[in-house]
PDB file of N, CA and C in Angstrom:
ATOM      1  N   MET A   1      38.293  40.072  -0.479  1.00  0.00           N
ATOM      2  CA  MET A   1      38.779  40.492  -1.778  1.00  0.00           C
ATOM      3  C   MET A   1      37.601  40.574  -2.745  1.00  0.00           C
ATOM      4  N   ASN A   2      37.501  41.654  -3.444  1.00  0.00           N
ATOM      5  CA  ASN A   2      36.444  41.851  -4.412  1.00  0.00           C
ATOM      6  C   ASN A   2      36.831  41.164  -5.718  1.00  0.00           C
ATOM      7  N   LEU A   3      36.055  40.181  -6.140  1.00  0.00           N
ATOM      8  CA  LEU A   3      36.382  39.427  -7.346  1.00  0.00           C
ATOM      9  C   LEU A   3      36.309  40.285  -8.602  1.00  0.00           C
ATOM     10  N   LYS A   4      35.414  41.260  -8.622  1.00  0.00           N
ATOM     11  CA  LYS A   4      35.289  42.105  -9.813  1.00  0.00           C
ATOM     12  C   LYS A   4      36.512  42.983 -10.001  1.00  0.00           C
ATOM     13  N   SER A   5      37.194  43.324  -8.937  1.00  0.00           N
ATOM     14  CA  SER A   5      38.362  44.197  -9.060  1.00  0.00           C
ATOM     15  C   SER A   5      39.548  43.470  -9.699  1.00  0.00           C
ATOM     16  N   THR A   6      39.565  42.146  -9.671  1.00  0.00           N
ATOM     17  CA  THR A   6      40.667  41.395 -10.261  1.00  0.00           C
ATOM     18  C   THR A   6      40.404  41.023 -11.711  1.00  0.00           C
ATOM     19  N   ALA A   7      39.253  41.412 -12.249  1.00  0.00           N
ATOM     20  CA  ALA A   7      38.870  41.010 -13.603  1.00  0.00           C
ATOM     21  C   ALA A   7      39.881  41.472 -14.649  1.00  0.00           C
ATOM     22  N   ALA A   8      40.483  42.626 -14.465  1.00  0.00           N
ATOM     23  CA  ALA A   8      41.427  43.144 -15.455  1.00  0.00           C
ATOM     24  C   ALA A   8      42.719  42.348 -15.477  1.00  0.00           C
ATOM     25  N   PHE A   9      43.013  41.607 -14.430  1.00  0.00           N
ATOM     26  CA  PHE A   9      44.270  40.871 -14.342  1.00  0.00           C
ATOM     27  C   PHE A   9      44.163  39.421 -14.780  1.00  0.00           C
ATOM     28  N   ARG A  10      42.946  38.951 -15.023  1.00  0.00           N
ATOM     29  CA  ARG A  10      42.757  37.567 -15.430  1.00  0.00           C
ATOM     30  C   ARG A  10      42.910  37.415 -16.931  1.00  0.00           C
ATOM     31  N   SER A  11      43.448  36.285 -17.350  1.00  0.00           N
ATOM     32  CA  SER A  11      43.543  35.977 -18.766  1.00  0.00           C
ATOM     33  C   SER A  11      42.222  35.376 -19.222  1.00  0.00           C
ATOM     34  N   THR A  12      41.717  35.828 -20.356  1.00  0.00           N
ATOM     35  CA  THR A  12      40.447  35.304 -20.848  1.00  0.00           C
ATOM     36  C   THR A  12      40.610  34.660 -22.223  1.00  0.00           C
ATOM     37  N   MET A  13      41.822  34.248 -22.562  1.00  0.00           N
ATOM     38  CA  MET A  13      42.068  33.661 -23.869  1.00  0.00           C
ATOM     39  C   MET A  13      41.479  32.246 -23.942  1.00  0.00           C
ATOM     40  N   GLU A  14      40.787  31.965 -25.053  1.00  0.00           N
ATOM     41  CA  GLU A  14      40.221  30.630 -25.251  1.00  0.00           C
ATOM     42  C   GLU A  14      41.278  29.727 -25.867  1.00  0.00           C
ATOM     43  N   THR A  15      41.511  28.584 -25.253  1.00  0.00           N
ATOM     44  CA  THR A  15      42.450  27.594 -25.765  1.00  0.00           C
ATOM     45  C   THR A  15      41.701  26.267 -25.900  1.00  0.00           C
ATOM     46  N   PRO A  16      42.276  25.304 -26.609  1.00  0.00           N
ATOM     47  CA  PRO A  16      41.597  24.003 -26.710  1.00  0.00           C
ATOM     48  C   PRO A  16      41.342  23.365 -25.340  1.00  0.00           C
ATOM     49  N   ILE A  17      42.253  23.555 -24.401  1.00  0.00           N
ATOM     50  CA  ILE A  17      42.064  22.927 -23.083  1.00  0.00           C
ATOM     51  C   ILE A  17      40.947  23.611 -22.293  1.00  0.00           C
ATOM     52  N   THR A  18      40.856  24.943 -22.360  1.00  0.00           N
ATOM     53  CA  THR A  18      39.778  25.621 -21.632  1.00  0.00           C
ATOM     54  C   THR A  18      38.414  25.287 -22.246  1.00  0.00           C
ATOM     55  N   LEU A  19      38.364  25.203 -23.559  1.00  0.00           N
ATOM     56  CA  LEU A  19      37.113  24.827 -24.210  1.00  0.00           C
ATOM     57  C   LEU A  19      36.760  23.378 -23.883  1.00  0.00           C
ATOM     58  N   GLY A  20      37.756  22.493 -23.927  1.00  0.00           N
ATOM     59  CA  GLY A  20      37.519  21.082 -23.620  1.00  0.00           C
ATOM     60  C   GLY A  20      37.045  20.861 -22.200  1.00  0.00           C
ATOM     61  N   ILE A  21      37.636  21.564 -21.260  1.00  0.00           N
ATOM     62  CA  ILE A  21      37.214  21.439 -19.854  1.00  0.00           C
ATOM     63  C   ILE A  21      35.762  21.877 -19.707  1.00  0.00           C
ATOM     64  N   SER A  22      35.415  22.995 -20.339  1.00  0.00           N
ATOM     65  CA  SER A  22      34.036  23.487 -20.241  1.00  0.00           C
ATOM     66  C   SER A  22      33.056  22.522 -20.898  1.00  0.00           C
ATOM     67  N   LEU A  23      33.422  21.974 -22.057  1.00  0.00           N
ATOM     68  CA  LEU A  23      32.530  21.019 -22.728  1.00  0.00           C
ATOM     69  C   LEU A  23      32.371  19.744 -21.909  1.00  0.00           C
ATOM     70  N   TYR A  24      33.468  19.262 -21.324  1.00  0.00           N
ATOM     71  CA  TYR A  24      33.394  18.054 -20.499  1.00  0.00           C
ATOM     72  C   TYR A  24      32.493  18.293 -19.284  1.00  0.00           C
ATOM     73  N   CYS A  25      32.698  19.411 -18.613  1.00  0.00           N
ATOM     74  CA  CYS A  25      31.906  19.699 -17.411  1.00  0.00           C
ATOM     75  C   CYS A  25      30.431  19.871 -17.757  1.00  0.00           C
ATOM     76  N   ASP A  26      30.137  20.495 -18.894  1.00  0.00           N
ATOM     77  CA  ASP A  26      28.744  20.644 -19.293  1.00  0.00           C
ATOM     78  C   ASP A  26      28.135  19.271 -19.585  1.00  0.00           C
ATOM     79  N   HIS A  27      28.886  18.412 -20.249  1.00  0.00           N
ATOM     80  CA  HIS A  27      28.389  17.070 -20.548  1.00  0.00           C
ATOM     81  C   HIS A  27      28.189  16.246 -19.270  1.00  0.00           C
ATOM     82  N   LYS A  28      29.120  16.349 -18.353  1.00  0.00           N
ATOM     83  CA  LYS A  28      29.088  15.515 -17.149  1.00  0.00           C
ATOM     84  C   LYS A  28      28.071  16.003 -16.113  1.00  0.00           C
ATOM     85  N   TRP A  29      28.023  17.333 -15.866  1.00  0.00           N
ATOM     86  CA  TRP A  29      27.210  17.839 -14.754  1.00  0.00           C
ATOM     87  C   TRP A  29      26.106  18.802 -15.158  1.00  0.00           C
ATOM     88  N   ARG A  30      26.142  19.356 -16.359  1.00  0.00           N
ATOM     89  CA  ARG A  30      25.114  20.298 -16.815  1.00  0.00           C
ATOM     90  C   ARG A  30      24.879  21.425 -15.800  1.00  0.00           C
ATOM     91  N   SER A  31      25.957  22.007 -15.311  1.00  0.00           N
ATOM     92  CA  SER A  31      25.851  23.030 -14.271  1.00  0.00           C
ATOM     93  C   SER A  31      26.292  24.392 -14.799  1.00  0.00           C
ATOM     94  N   HIS A  32      25.349  25.331 -14.808  1.00  0.00           N
ATOM     95  CA  HIS A  32      25.659  26.702 -15.223  1.00  0.00           C
ATOM     96  C   HIS A  32      26.602  27.345 -14.205  1.00  0.00           C
ATOM     97  N   LYS A  33      26.393  27.050 -12.917  1.00  0.00           N
ATOM     98  CA  LYS A  33      27.258  27.618 -11.857  1.00  0.00           C
ATOM     99  C   LYS A  33      28.702  27.160 -12.023  1.00  0.00           C
ATOM    100  N   LEU A  34      28.905  25.880 -12.302  1.00  0.00           N
ATOM    101  CA  LEU A  34      30.254  25.350 -12.475  1.00  0.00           C
ATOM    102  C   LEU A  34      30.931  25.985 -13.683  1.00  0.00           C
ATOM    103  N   ALA A  35      30.193  26.133 -14.782  1.00  0.00           N
ATOM    104  CA  ALA A  35      30.752  26.764 -15.981  1.00  0.00           C
ATOM    105  C   ALA A  35      31.159  28.204 -15.692  1.00  0.00           C
ATOM    106  N   SER A  36      30.333  28.928 -14.964  1.00  0.00           N
ATOM    107  CA  SER A  36      30.658  30.309 -14.619  1.00  0.00           C
ATOM    108  C   SER A  36      31.880  30.386 -13.716  1.00  0.00           C
ATOM    109  N   LEU A  37      31.983  29.465 -12.769  1.00  0.00           N
ATOM    110  CA  LEU A  37      33.138  29.442 -11.878  1.00  0.00           C
ATOM    111  C   LEU A  37      34.420  29.142 -12.642  1.00  0.00           C
ATOM    112  N   LEU A  38      34.387  28.153 -13.516  1.00  0.00           N
ATOM    113  CA  LEU A  38      35.565  27.813 -14.319  1.00  0.00           C
ATOM    114  C   LEU A  38      35.987  28.987 -15.197  1.00  0.00           C
ATOM    115  N   SER A  39      35.021  29.665 -15.773  1.00  0.00           N
ATOM    116  CA  SER A  39      35.320  30.819 -16.608  1.00  0.00           C
ATOM    117  C   SER A  39      35.917  31.947 -15.768  1.00  0.00           C
ATOM    118  N   HIS A  40      35.379  32.150 -14.588  1.00  0.00           N
ATOM    119  CA  HIS A  40      35.848  33.233 -13.727  1.00  0.00           C
ATOM    120  C   HIS A  40      37.301  33.038 -13.298  1.00  0.00           C
ATOM    121  N   VAL A  41      37.703  31.793 -13.064  1.00  0.00           N
ATOM    122  CA  VAL A  41      39.087  31.539 -12.645  1.00  0.00           C
ATOM    123  C   VAL A  41      39.991  31.235 -13.846  1.00  0.00           C
ATOM    124  N   ALA A  42      39.509  31.514 -15.050  1.00  0.00           N
ATOM    125  CA  ALA A  42      40.270  31.376 -16.297  1.00  0.00           C
ATOM    126  C   ALA A  42      40.706  29.939 -16.586  1.00  0.00           C
ATOM    127  N   VAL A  43      39.885  28.978 -16.174  1.00  0.00           N
ATOM    128  CA  VAL A  43      40.155  27.573 -16.463  1.00  0.00           C
ATOM    129  C   VAL A  43      39.228  27.077 -17.566  1.00  0.00           C
ATOM    130  N   GLY A  44      38.124  27.780 -17.770  1.00  0.00           N
ATOM    131  CA  GLY A  44      37.164  27.383 -18.783  1.00  0.00           C
ATOM    132  C   GLY A  44      36.678  28.583 -19.568  1.00  0.00           C
ATOM    133  N   VAL A  45      35.793  28.317 -20.498  1.00  0.00           N
ATOM    134  CA  VAL A  45      35.191  29.386 -21.294  1.00  0.00           C
ATOM    135  C   VAL A  45      33.815  29.698 -20.716  1.00  0.00           C
ATOM    136  N   PRO A  46      33.251  30.860 -21.033  1.00  0.00           N
ATOM    137  CA  PRO A  46      31.911  31.185 -20.517  1.00  0.00           C
ATOM    138  C   PRO A  46      30.870  30.156 -20.963  1.00  0.00           C
ATOM    139  N   TYR A  47      29.836  30.018 -20.167  1.00  0.00           N
ATOM    140  CA  TYR A  47      28.774  29.046 -20.404  1.00  0.00           C
ATOM    141  C   TYR A  47      28.165  29.203 -21.792  1.00  0.00           C
ATOM    142  N   GLN A  48      27.886  30.435 -22.198  1.00  0.00           N
ATOM    143  CA  GLN A  48      27.278  30.673 -23.502  1.00  0.00           C
ATOM    144  C   GLN A  48      28.194  30.239 -24.648  1.00  0.00           C
ATOM    145  N   ARG A  49      29.510  30.414 -24.480  1.00  0.00           N
ATOM    146  CA  ARG A  49      30.463  29.986 -25.510  1.00  0.00           C
ATOM    147  C   ARG A  49      30.469  28.465 -25.629  1.00  0.00           C
ATOM    148  N   ALA A  50      30.426  27.762 -24.500  1.00  0.00           N
ATOM    149  CA  ALA A  50      30.381  26.292 -24.524  1.00  0.00           C
ATOM    150  C   ALA A  50      29.110  25.822 -25.235  1.00  0.00           C
ATOM    151  N   LYS A  51      27.978  26.443 -24.923  1.00  0.00           N
ATOM    152  CA  LYS A  51      26.717  26.070 -25.570  1.00  0.00           C
ATOM    153  C   LYS A  51      26.760  26.380 -27.063  1.00  0.00           C
ATOM    154  N   GLN A  52      27.411  27.483 -27.448  1.00  0.00           N
ATOM    155  CA  GLN A  52      27.549  27.834 -28.861  1.00  0.00           C
ATOM    156  C   GLN A  52      28.353  26.759 -29.597  1.00  0.00           C
ATOM    157  N   CYS A  53      29.431  26.281 -28.983  1.00  0.00           N
ATOM    158  CA  CYS A  53      30.252  25.225 -29.597  1.00  0.00           C
ATOM    159  C   CYS A  53      29.469  23.926 -29.745  1.00  0.00           C
ATOM    160  N   ILE A  54      28.695  23.580 -28.730  1.00  0.00           N
ATOM    161  CA  ILE A  54      27.884  22.366 -28.783  1.00  0.00           C
ATOM    162  C   ILE A  54      26.878  22.465 -29.934  1.00  0.00           C
ATOM    163  N   THR A  55      26.267  23.636 -30.086  1.00  0.00           N
ATOM    164  CA  THR A  55      25.305  23.850 -31.169  1.00  0.00           C
ATOM    165  C   THR A  55      25.978  23.753 -32.528  1.00  0.00           C
ATOM    166  N   GLN A  56      27.173  24.336 -32.669  1.00  0.00           N
ATOM    167  CA  GLN A  56      27.901  24.265 -33.937  1.00  0.00           C
ATOM    168  C   GLN A  56      28.252  22.820 -34.296  1.00  0.00           C
ATOM    169  N   ILE A  57      28.697  22.052 -33.317  1.00  0.00           N
ATOM    170  CA  ILE A  57      29.041  20.645 -33.556  1.00  0.00           C
ATOM    171  C   ILE A  57      27.798  19.864 -33.992  1.00  0.00           C
ATOM    172  N   ALA A  58      26.692  20.078 -33.275  1.00  0.00           N
ATOM    173  CA  ALA A  58      25.448  19.371 -33.602  1.00  0.00           C
ATOM    174  C   ALA A  58      24.966  19.725 -35.008  1.00  0.00           C
ATOM    175  N   LYS A  59      25.055  21.009 -35.388  1.00  0.00           N
ATOM    176  CA  LYS A  59      24.639  21.419 -36.738  1.00  0.00           C
ATOM    177  C   LYS A  59      25.527  20.776 -37.792  1.00  0.00           C
ATOM    178  N   GLY A  60      26.836  20.711 -37.535  1.00  0.00           N
ATOM    179  CA  GLY A  60      27.756  20.090 -38.481  1.00  0.00           C
ATOM    180  C   GLY A  60      27.460  18.616 -38.681  1.00  0.00           C
ATOM    181  N   ILE A  61      27.169  17.916 -37.593  1.00  0.00           N
ATOM    182  CA  ILE A  61      26.841  16.491 -37.674  1.00  0.00           C
ATOM    183  C   ILE A  61      25.516  16.296 -38.420  1.00  0.00           C
ATOM    184  N   LYS A  62      24.543  17.148 -38.117  1.00  0.00           N
ATOM    185  CA  LYS A  62      23.242  17.039 -38.785  1.00  0.00           C
ATOM    186  C   LYS A  62      23.377  17.277 -40.284  1.00  0.00           C
ATOM    187  N   GLU A  63      24.134  18.290 -40.675  1.00  0.00           N
ATOM    188  CA  GLU A  63      24.342  18.568 -42.100  1.00  0.00           C
ATOM    189  C   GLU A  63      25.036  17.392 -42.792  1.00  0.00           C
ATOM    190  N   ASN A  64      26.036  16.810 -42.122  1.00  0.00           N
ATOM    191  CA  ASN A  64      26.749  15.659 -42.683  1.00  0.00           C
ATOM    192  C   ASN A  64      25.796  14.492 -42.880  1.00  0.00           C
ATOM    193  N   MET A  65      24.939  14.236 -41.893  1.00  0.00           N
ATOM    194  CA  MET A  65      24.006  13.109 -41.984  1.00  0.00           C
ATOM    195  C   MET A  65      22.948  13.338 -43.064  1.00  0.00           C
ATOM    196  N   GLU A  66      22.501  14.576 -43.223  1.00  0.00           N
ATOM    197  CA  GLU A  66      21.530  14.874 -44.276  1.00  0.00           C
ATOM    198  C   GLU A  66      22.148  14.655 -45.653  1.00  0.00           C
ATOM    199  N   LYS A  67      23.418  14.979 -45.779  1.00  0.00           N
ATOM    200  CA  LYS A  67      24.127  14.835 -47.047  1.00  0.00           C
ATOM    201  C   LYS A  67      24.361  13.361 -47.403  1.00  0.00           C
ATOM    202  N   HIS A  68      24.447  12.486 -46.386  1.00  0.00           N
ATOM    203  CA  HIS A  68      24.760  11.070 -46.614  1.00  0.00           C
ATOM    204  C   HIS A  68      23.612  10.145 -46.226  1.00  0.00           C
ATOM    205  N   ASN A  69      22.384  10.560 -46.471  1.00  0.00           N
ATOM    206  CA  ASN A  69      21.193   9.724 -46.248  1.00  0.00           C
ATOM    207  C   ASN A  69      21.086   9.167 -44.831  1.00  0.00           C
ATOM    208  N   GLY A  70      21.324   9.997 -43.837  1.00  0.00           N
ATOM    209  CA  GLY A  70      21.160   9.582 -42.449  1.00  0.00           C
ATOM    210  C   GLY A  70      22.358   8.904 -41.825  1.00  0.00           C
ATOM    211  N   ASN A  71      23.448   8.782 -42.555  1.00  0.00           N
ATOM    212  CA  ASN A  71      24.675   8.181 -42.019  1.00  0.00           C
ATOM    213  C   ASN A  71      25.717   9.270 -41.796  1.00  0.00           C
ATOM    214  N   TYR A  72      26.489   9.135 -40.727  1.00  0.00           N
ATOM    215  CA  TYR A  72      27.567  10.090 -40.482  1.00  0.00           C
ATOM    216  C   TYR A  72      28.854   9.531 -41.094  1.00  0.00           C
ATOM    217  N   ILE A  73      29.417  10.262 -42.039  1.00  0.00           N
ATOM    218  CA  ILE A  73      30.683   9.898 -42.671  1.00  0.00           C
ATOM    219  C   ILE A  73      31.716  10.926 -42.220  1.00  0.00           C
ATOM    220  N   PRO A  74      32.749  10.523 -41.500  1.00  0.00           N
ATOM    221  CA  PRO A  74      33.747  11.484 -41.031  1.00  0.00           C
ATOM    222  C   PRO A  74      34.401  12.237 -42.190  1.00  0.00           C
ATOM    223  N   PRO A  75      34.676  13.519 -42.010  1.00  0.00           N
ATOM    224  CA  PRO A  75      35.367  14.277 -43.053  1.00  0.00           C
ATOM    225  C   PRO A  75      36.723  13.639 -43.352  1.00  0.00           C
ATOM    226  N   GLY A  76      37.118  13.660 -44.601  1.00  0.00           N
ATOM    227  CA  GLY A  76      38.407  13.078 -44.981  1.00  0.00           C
ATOM    228  C   GLY A  76      38.293  11.690 -45.580  1.00  0.00           C
ATOM    229  N   LEU A  77      37.140  11.050 -45.439  1.00  0.00           N
ATOM    230  CA  LEU A  77      36.926   9.747 -46.073  1.00  0.00           C
ATOM    231  C   LEU A  77      36.295   9.983 -47.434  1.00  0.00           C
ATOM    232  N   HIS A  78      36.913   9.454 -48.482  1.00  0.00           N
ATOM    233  CA  HIS A  78      36.433   9.665 -49.838  1.00  0.00           C
ATOM    234  C   HIS A  78      36.381   8.332 -50.575  1.00  0.00           C
ATOM    235  N   ARG A  79      35.430   8.201 -51.477  1.00  0.00           N
ATOM    236  CA  ARG A  79      35.337   6.995 -52.291  1.00  0.00           C
ATOM    237  C   ARG A  79      36.549   6.878 -53.196  1.00  0.00           C
ATOM    238  N   GLN A  80      36.908   5.643 -53.485  1.00  0.00           N
ATOM    239  CA  GLN A  80      38.010   5.324 -54.399  1.00  0.00           C
ATOM    240  C   GLN A  80      39.352   5.875 -53.929  1.00  0.00           C
ATOM    241  N   GLN A  81      39.488   6.143 -52.659  1.00  0.00           N
ATOM    242  CA  GLN A  81      40.769   6.589 -52.110  1.00  0.00           C
ATOM    243  C   GLN A  81      41.210   5.564 -51.076  1.00  0.00           C
ATOM    244  N   ARG A  82      42.463   5.137 -51.190  1.00  0.00           N
ATOM    245  CA  ARG A  82      42.972   4.146 -50.246  1.00  0.00           C
ATOM    246  C   ARG A  82      42.963   4.692 -48.828  1.00  0.00           C
ATOM    247  N   LEU A  83      42.709   3.790 -47.913  1.00  0.00           N
ATOM    248  CA  LEU A  83      42.641   4.159 -46.513  1.00  0.00           C
ATOM    249  C   LEU A  83      43.399   3.110 -45.714  1.00  0.00           C
ATOM    250  N   ARG A  84      44.373   3.545 -44.966  1.00  0.00           N
ATOM    251  CA  ARG A  84      45.093   2.633 -44.077  1.00  0.00           C
ATOM    252  C   ARG A  84      44.538   2.808 -42.676  1.00  0.00           C
ATOM    253  N   PHE A  85      44.195   1.702 -42.037  1.00  0.00           N
ATOM    254  CA  PHE A  85      43.656   1.770 -40.689  1.00  0.00           C
ATOM    255  C   PHE A  85      43.949   0.475 -39.952  1.00  0.00           C
ATOM    256  N   SER A  86      43.753   0.506 -38.668  1.00  0.00           N
ATOM    257  CA  SER A  86      43.883  -0.710 -37.868  1.00  0.00           C
ATOM    258  C   SER A  86      42.599  -0.872 -37.069  1.00  0.00           C
ATOM    259  N   LEU A  87      42.270  -2.111 -36.760  1.00  0.00           N
ATOM    260  CA  LEU A  87      41.028  -2.419 -36.074  1.00  0.00           C
ATOM    261  C   LEU A  87      41.299  -3.460 -35.007  1.00  0.00           C
ATOM    262  N   ASP A  88      40.698  -3.279 -33.851  1.00  0.00           N
ATOM    263  CA  ASP A  88      40.882  -4.237 -32.764  1.00  0.00           C
ATOM    264  C   ASP A  88      39.604  -4.252 -31.941  1.00  0.00           C
ATOM    265  N   ASN A  89      39.335  -5.367 -31.301  1.00  0.00           N
ATOM    266  CA  ASN A  89      38.194  -5.417 -30.403  1.00  0.00           C
ATOM    267  C   ASN A  89      38.635  -5.964 -29.054  1.00  0.00           C
ATOM    268  N   ILE A  90      37.898  -5.572 -28.033  1.00  0.00           N
ATOM    269  CA  ILE A  90      38.185  -6.010 -26.674  1.00  0.00           C
ATOM    270  C   ILE A  90      36.902  -6.616 -26.128  1.00  0.00           C
ATOM    271  N   ASP A  91      36.955  -7.858 -25.711  1.00  0.00           N
ATOM    272  CA  ASP A  91      35.802  -8.503 -25.086  1.00  0.00           C
ATOM    273  C   ASP A  91      36.053  -8.550 -23.588  1.00  0.00           C
ATOM    274  N   ALA A  92      35.130  -8.019 -22.832  1.00  0.00           N
ATOM    275  CA  ALA A  92      35.288  -8.013 -21.379  1.00  0.00           C
ATOM    276  C   ALA A  92      34.014  -8.547 -20.743  1.00  0.00           C
ATOM    277  N   GLN A  93      34.151  -9.553 -19.913  1.00  0.00           N
ATOM    278  CA  GLN A  93      33.008 -10.043 -19.153  1.00  0.00           C
ATOM    279  C   GLN A  93      32.685  -8.988 -18.092  1.00  0.00           C
ATOM    280  N   VAL A  94      31.444  -8.576 -18.056  1.00  0.00           N
ATOM    281  CA  VAL A  94      31.039  -7.511 -17.155  1.00  0.00           C
ATOM    282  C   VAL A  94      30.006  -8.072 -16.187  1.00  0.00           C
ATOM    283  N   ASP A  95      30.150  -7.752 -14.910  1.00  0.00           N
ATOM    284  CA  ASP A  95      29.155  -8.158 -13.927  1.00  0.00           C
ATOM    285  C   ASP A  95      27.891  -7.338 -14.155  1.00  0.00           C
ATOM    286  N   THR A  96      26.821  -8.022 -14.466  1.00  0.00           N
ATOM    287  CA  THR A  96      25.542  -7.356 -14.683  1.00  0.00           C
ATOM    288  C   THR A  96      24.503  -8.011 -13.795  1.00  0.00           C
ATOM    289  N   SER A  97      23.308  -7.463 -13.807  1.00  0.00           N
ATOM    290  CA  SER A  97      22.261  -8.003 -12.936  1.00  0.00           C
ATOM    291  C   SER A  97      21.928  -9.454 -13.269  1.00  0.00           C
ATOM    292  N   ASP A  98      21.962  -9.818 -14.547  1.00  0.00           N
ATOM    293  CA  ASP A  98      21.661 -11.206 -14.906  1.00  0.00           C
ATOM    294  C   ASP A  98      22.927 -12.068 -14.966  1.00  0.00           C
ATOM    295  N   GLY A  99      24.109 -11.447 -14.877  1.00  0.00           N
ATOM    296  CA  GLY A  99      25.361 -12.192 -14.846  1.00  0.00           C
ATOM    297  C   GLY A  99      25.800 -12.760 -16.178  1.00  0.00           C
ATOM    298  N   ARG A 100      25.097 -12.448 -17.264  1.00  0.00           N
ATOM    299  CA  ARG A 100      25.415 -13.057 -18.545  1.00  0.00           C
ATOM    300  C   ARG A 100      25.859 -12.063 -19.622  1.00  0.00           C
ATOM    301  N   SER A 101      25.732 -10.796 -19.392  1.00  0.00           N
ATOM    302  CA  SER A 101      26.010  -9.825 -20.448  1.00  0.00           C
ATOM    303  C   SER A 101      27.496  -9.684 -20.720  1.00  0.00           C
ATOM    304  N   MET A 102      27.786  -9.294 -21.920  1.00  0.00           N
ATOM    305  CA  MET A 102      29.166  -9.106 -22.336  1.00  0.00           C
ATOM    306  C   MET A 102      29.264  -7.721 -22.973  1.00  0.00           C
ATOM    307  N   GLN A 103      30.369  -7.064 -22.754  1.00  0.00           N
ATOM    308  CA  GLN A 103      30.578  -5.751 -23.324  1.00  0.00           C
ATOM    309  C   GLN A 103      31.674  -5.848 -24.377  1.00  0.00           C
ATOM    310  N   GLN A 104      31.436  -5.246 -25.534  1.00  0.00           N
ATOM    311  CA  GLN A 104      32.442  -5.233 -26.585  1.00  0.00           C
ATOM    312  C   GLN A 104      32.797  -3.801 -26.923  1.00  0.00           C
ATOM    313  N   LEU A 105      34.057  -3.593 -27.207  1.00  0.00           N
ATOM    314  CA  LEU A 105      34.546  -2.285 -27.612  1.00  0.00           C
ATOM    315  C   LEU A 105      35.327  -2.459 -28.896  1.00  0.00           C
ATOM    316  N   TRP A 106      34.975  -1.698 -29.914  1.00  0.00           N
ATOM    317  CA  TRP A 106      35.707  -1.726 -31.179  1.00  0.00           C
ATOM    318  C   TRP A 106      36.496  -0.440 -31.288  1.00  0.00           C
ATOM    319  N   LEU A 107      37.742  -0.570 -31.675  1.00  0.00           N
ATOM    320  CA  LEU A 107      38.603   0.584 -31.830  1.00  0.00           C
ATOM    321  C   LEU A 107      39.128   0.617 -33.261  1.00  0.00           C
ATOM    322  N   CYS A 108      38.909   1.714 -33.940  1.00  0.00           N
ATOM    323  CA  CYS A 108      39.365   1.862 -35.315  1.00  0.00           C
ATOM    324  C   CYS A 108      40.158   3.151 -35.405  1.00  0.00           C
ATOM    325  N   THR A 109      41.375   3.065 -35.884  1.00  0.00           N
ATOM    326  CA  THR A 109      42.200   4.264 -36.027  1.00  0.00           C
ATOM    327  C   THR A 109      42.648   4.396 -37.467  1.00  0.00           C
ATOM    328  N   LYS A 110      42.587   5.603 -37.968  1.00  0.00           N
ATOM    329  CA  LYS A 110      43.003   5.888 -39.337  1.00  0.00           C
ATOM    330  C   LYS A 110      44.459   6.308 -39.310  1.00  0.00           C
ATOM    331  N   GLU A 111      45.252   5.744 -40.200  1.00  0.00           N
ATOM    332  CA  GLU A 111      46.658   6.115 -40.288  1.00  0.00           C
ATOM    333  C   GLU A 111      46.842   7.100 -41.425  1.00  0.00           C
ATOM    334  N   ASN A 112      47.757   8.027 -41.268  1.00  0.00           N
ATOM    335  CA  ASN A 112      48.039   9.004 -42.328  1.00  0.00           C
ATOM    336  C   ASN A 112      48.695   8.326 -43.518  1.00  0.00           C
ATOM    337  N   GLN A 113      48.342   8.788 -44.697  1.00  0.00           N
ATOM    338  CA  GLN A 113      48.953   8.277 -45.922  1.00  0.00           C
ATOM    339  C   GLN A 113      50.407   8.749 -45.998  1.00  0.00           C
ATOM    340  N   ILE A 114      51.268   7.896 -46.472  1.00  0.00           N
ATOM    341  CA  ILE A 114      52.687   8.259 -46.616  1.00  0.00           C
ATOM    342  C   ILE A 114      52.962   8.582 -48.066  1.00  0.00           C
TER     343      ILE A 114
END
């Protein structure tokens, strides 16, 4: 079967899931071949589109940090505005080479204002 002959029948619409799959695969494996394959079977976006999104995200973060003296402040957080959130930590003893290290995870979630 000629793959080029089926090109007209494939869906090429970009959705959050196709973009997310491509971004995850690029982060995990950094494979141009895998990105092209995912795009060809309509499961991902083209490699260049994934790289464009990564660049846009990086530029947005850099601009935010420049605006806030090197700190990243998530959009939507404003001074003198109440913020409802919850905070929790998880302490897990982790087997490490020295047997003494501990891993901590902090989870912070913002709740919508009512």
